[in-house]
């Protein structure tokens, strides 16, 4: 009688594996994808900080700031961005008599595997293959 029960449960292990394996793969791929997204966001934040750091200096043009931001993006392994995606604002009034400079970056990020799943959660565009726009900005007081 014991052998008869074992024979009936052989298909149960296969069924359990068939149910759990896609879930484990989805979790693993999600960890890699969101880790890559976080790393991209960190590079963007540091690039905007680096651009703001030189934007507060005298004699530095907006083109110099954009070139420095693109240089940092390239070092970080990201694609360089056109001038329209790098926003530079100078002499932004702060409280008191001081002013500041702001550098912002809009970066199109695309998930490799989880793009359809992310589109269900964050439908920012009607096109299913459109990238998500990541943004980073830094405000630094002028000296």
Protein backbone atom coordinates (compact mmCIF):
# COMPACT_ATOMS: atom_id res chain seq x y z
CA UNK A 1 0.00 0.00 0.00
CA UNK A 2 2.92 2.37 0.73
CA UNK A 3 4.39 1.85 -2.76
CA UNK A 4 1.04 2.59 -4.33
CA UNK A 5 0.89 6.03 -2.65
CA UNK A 6 4.43 6.90 -3.81
CA UNK A 7 3.57 6.10 -7.39
CA UNK A 8 0.60 8.46 -7.26
CA UNK A 9 2.73 11.36 -5.92
CA UNK A 10 5.42 11.30 -8.62
CA UNK A 11 3.49 13.79 -10.73
CA UNK A 12 3.01 16.11 -7.75
CA UNK A 13 6.73 16.93 -7.55
CA UNK A 14 6.81 17.74 -11.26
CA UNK A 15 3.76 19.95 -10.91
CA UNK A 16 5.24 21.78 -7.91
CA UNK A 17 8.47 22.38 -9.81
CA UNK A 18 6.53 23.65 -12.83
CA UNK A 19 4.68 26.15 -10.63
CA UNK A 20 7.60 27.40 -8.52
CA UNK A 21 10.32 27.62 -11.20
CA UNK A 22 8.79 30.57 -13.15
CA UNK A 23 8.18 32.43 -9.90
CA UNK A 24 11.80 31.95 -8.81
CA UNK A 25 13.06 33.04 -12.23
CA UNK A 26 10.85 36.15 -12.14
CA UNK A 27 12.18 37.07 -8.70
CA UNK A 28 15.80 36.52 -9.80
CA UNK A 29 15.42 38.57 -12.96
CA UNK A 30 13.61 41.28 -10.98
CA UNK A 31 16.53 41.53 -8.56
CA UNK A 32 18.97 41.99 -11.46
CA UNK A 33 16.76 44.47 -13.31
CA UNK A 34 16.01 46.69 -10.31
CA UNK A 35 19.67 46.52 -9.27
CA UNK A 36 20.61 47.82 -12.72
CA UNK A 37 17.97 50.56 -12.43
CA UNK A 38 19.31 51.59 -9.01
CA UNK A 39 22.87 51.68 -10.32
CA UNK A 40 21.75 53.87 -13.25
CA UNK A 41 19.98 56.22 -10.86
CA UNK A 42 23.12 56.48 -8.71
CA UNK A 43 25.24 57.37 -11.76
CA UNK A 44 22.68 60.02 -12.78
CA UNK A 45 22.67 61.52 -9.30
CA UNK A 46 26.45 61.67 -9.19
CA UNK A 47 26.62 63.14 -12.72
CA UNK A 48 24.20 65.93 -11.80
CA UNK A 49 26.18 66.58 -8.63
CA UNK A 50 29.41 66.75 -10.64
CA UNK A 51 27.79 69.15 -13.12
CA UNK A 52 26.50 71.39 -10.32
CA UNK A 53 29.93 71.35 -8.72
CA UNK A 54 31.49 73.01 -11.76
CA UNK A 55 28.42 75.14 -12.60
CA UNK A 56 29.00 77.26 -9.49
CA UNK A 57 32.50 78.20 -10.63
CA UNK A 58 33.11 81.49 -12.41
CA UNK A 59 33.97 81.38 -16.09
CA UNK A 60 32.36 78.01 -16.74
CA UNK A 61 29.80 77.90 -19.56
CA UNK A 62 26.69 75.74 -19.82
CA UNK A 63 28.43 73.75 -22.57
CA UNK A 64 31.26 72.96 -20.14
CA UNK A 65 28.73 71.74 -17.56
CA UNK A 66 26.97 69.53 -20.11
CA UNK A 67 30.31 68.14 -21.31
CA UNK A 68 31.28 67.26 -17.73
CA UNK A 69 27.93 65.57 -17.10
CA UNK A 70 28.27 63.53 -20.32
CA UNK A 71 31.84 62.64 -19.40
CA UNK A 72 30.64 61.32 -16.03
CA UNK A 73 27.82 59.38 -17.68
CA UNK A 74 30.31 57.76 -20.05
CA UNK A 75 32.60 56.82 -17.18
CA UNK A 76 29.58 55.34 -15.38
CA UNK A 77 28.76 53.15 -18.39
CA UNK A 78 25.71 55.11 -19.59
CA UNK A 79 25.03 56.70 -22.96
CA UNK A 80 25.78 60.38 -23.42
CA UNK A 81 22.72 62.61 -23.53
CA UNK A 82 21.78 65.42 -25.90
CA UNK A 83 21.78 68.98 -24.59
CA UNK A 84 17.98 68.93 -24.31
CA UNK A 85 18.19 66.22 -21.60
CA UNK A 86 20.68 68.14 -19.44
CA UNK A 87 19.10 71.20 -17.86
CA UNK A 88 21.37 73.93 -16.45
CA UNK A 89 19.93 76.89 -14.53
CA UNK A 90 22.14 79.54 -12.99
CA UNK A 91 21.48 82.32 -10.49
CA UNK A 92 18.44 80.64 -8.97
CA UNK A 93 17.46 82.87 -6.02
CA UNK A 94 17.72 81.37 -2.55
CA UNK A 95 16.69 82.82 0.78
CA UNK A 96 18.69 85.89 1.60
CA UNK A 97 21.04 87.36 -0.96
CA UNK A 98 22.60 84.12 -2.16
CA UNK A 99 21.96 82.36 -5.45
CA UNK A 100 22.39 78.80 -6.63
CA UNK A 101 22.94 76.75 -9.76
CA UNK A 102 20.84 73.74 -10.69
CA UNK A 103 21.75 70.84 -12.96
CA UNK A 104 19.11 68.30 -13.93
CA UNK A 105 19.29 65.20 -16.08
CA UNK A 106 16.47 63.35 -17.84
CA UNK A 107 17.63 59.87 -18.82
CA UNK A 108 15.60 57.30 -20.78
CA UNK A 109 15.93 53.96 -18.98
CA UNK A 110 14.60 50.71 -20.36
CA UNK A 111 14.26 47.44 -18.51
CA UNK A 112 15.61 44.54 -20.54
CA UNK A 113 13.31 41.71 -19.47
CA UNK A 114 10.70 43.22 -17.16
CA UNK A 115 9.56 46.07 -19.41
CA UNK A 116 6.00 44.71 -19.90
CA UNK A 117 5.63 44.10 -16.15
CA UNK A 118 6.87 47.61 -15.31
CA UNK A 119 4.44 49.08 -17.86
CA UNK A 120 1.58 47.55 -15.87
CA UNK A 121 2.78 49.29 -12.71
CA UNK A 122 3.94 52.63 -14.18
CA UNK A 123 2.13 53.35 -17.46
CA UNK A 124 3.76 56.69 -18.28
CA UNK A 125 3.35 56.32 -22.03
CA UNK A 126 0.86 54.60 -24.28
CA UNK A 127 3.60 52.87 -26.24
CA UNK A 128 4.54 49.57 -24.64
CA UNK A 129 8.22 49.71 -25.59
CA UNK A 130 8.90 53.31 -24.58
CA UNK A 131 11.62 53.82 -21.97
CA UNK A 132 10.98 55.20 -18.51
CA UNK A 133 12.44 58.65 -17.88
CA UNK A 134 14.70 58.76 -14.83
CA UNK A 135 15.44 62.19 -13.41
CA UNK A 136 18.15 63.53 -11.15
CA UNK A 137 18.86 67.12 -10.17
CA UNK A 138 21.24 68.93 -7.88
CA UNK A 139 21.03 72.44 -6.45
CA UNK A 140 24.31 73.96 -5.27
CA UNK A 141 24.81 77.40 -3.75
CA UNK A 142 27.01 79.79 -5.74
CA UNK A 143 30.12 80.93 -3.95
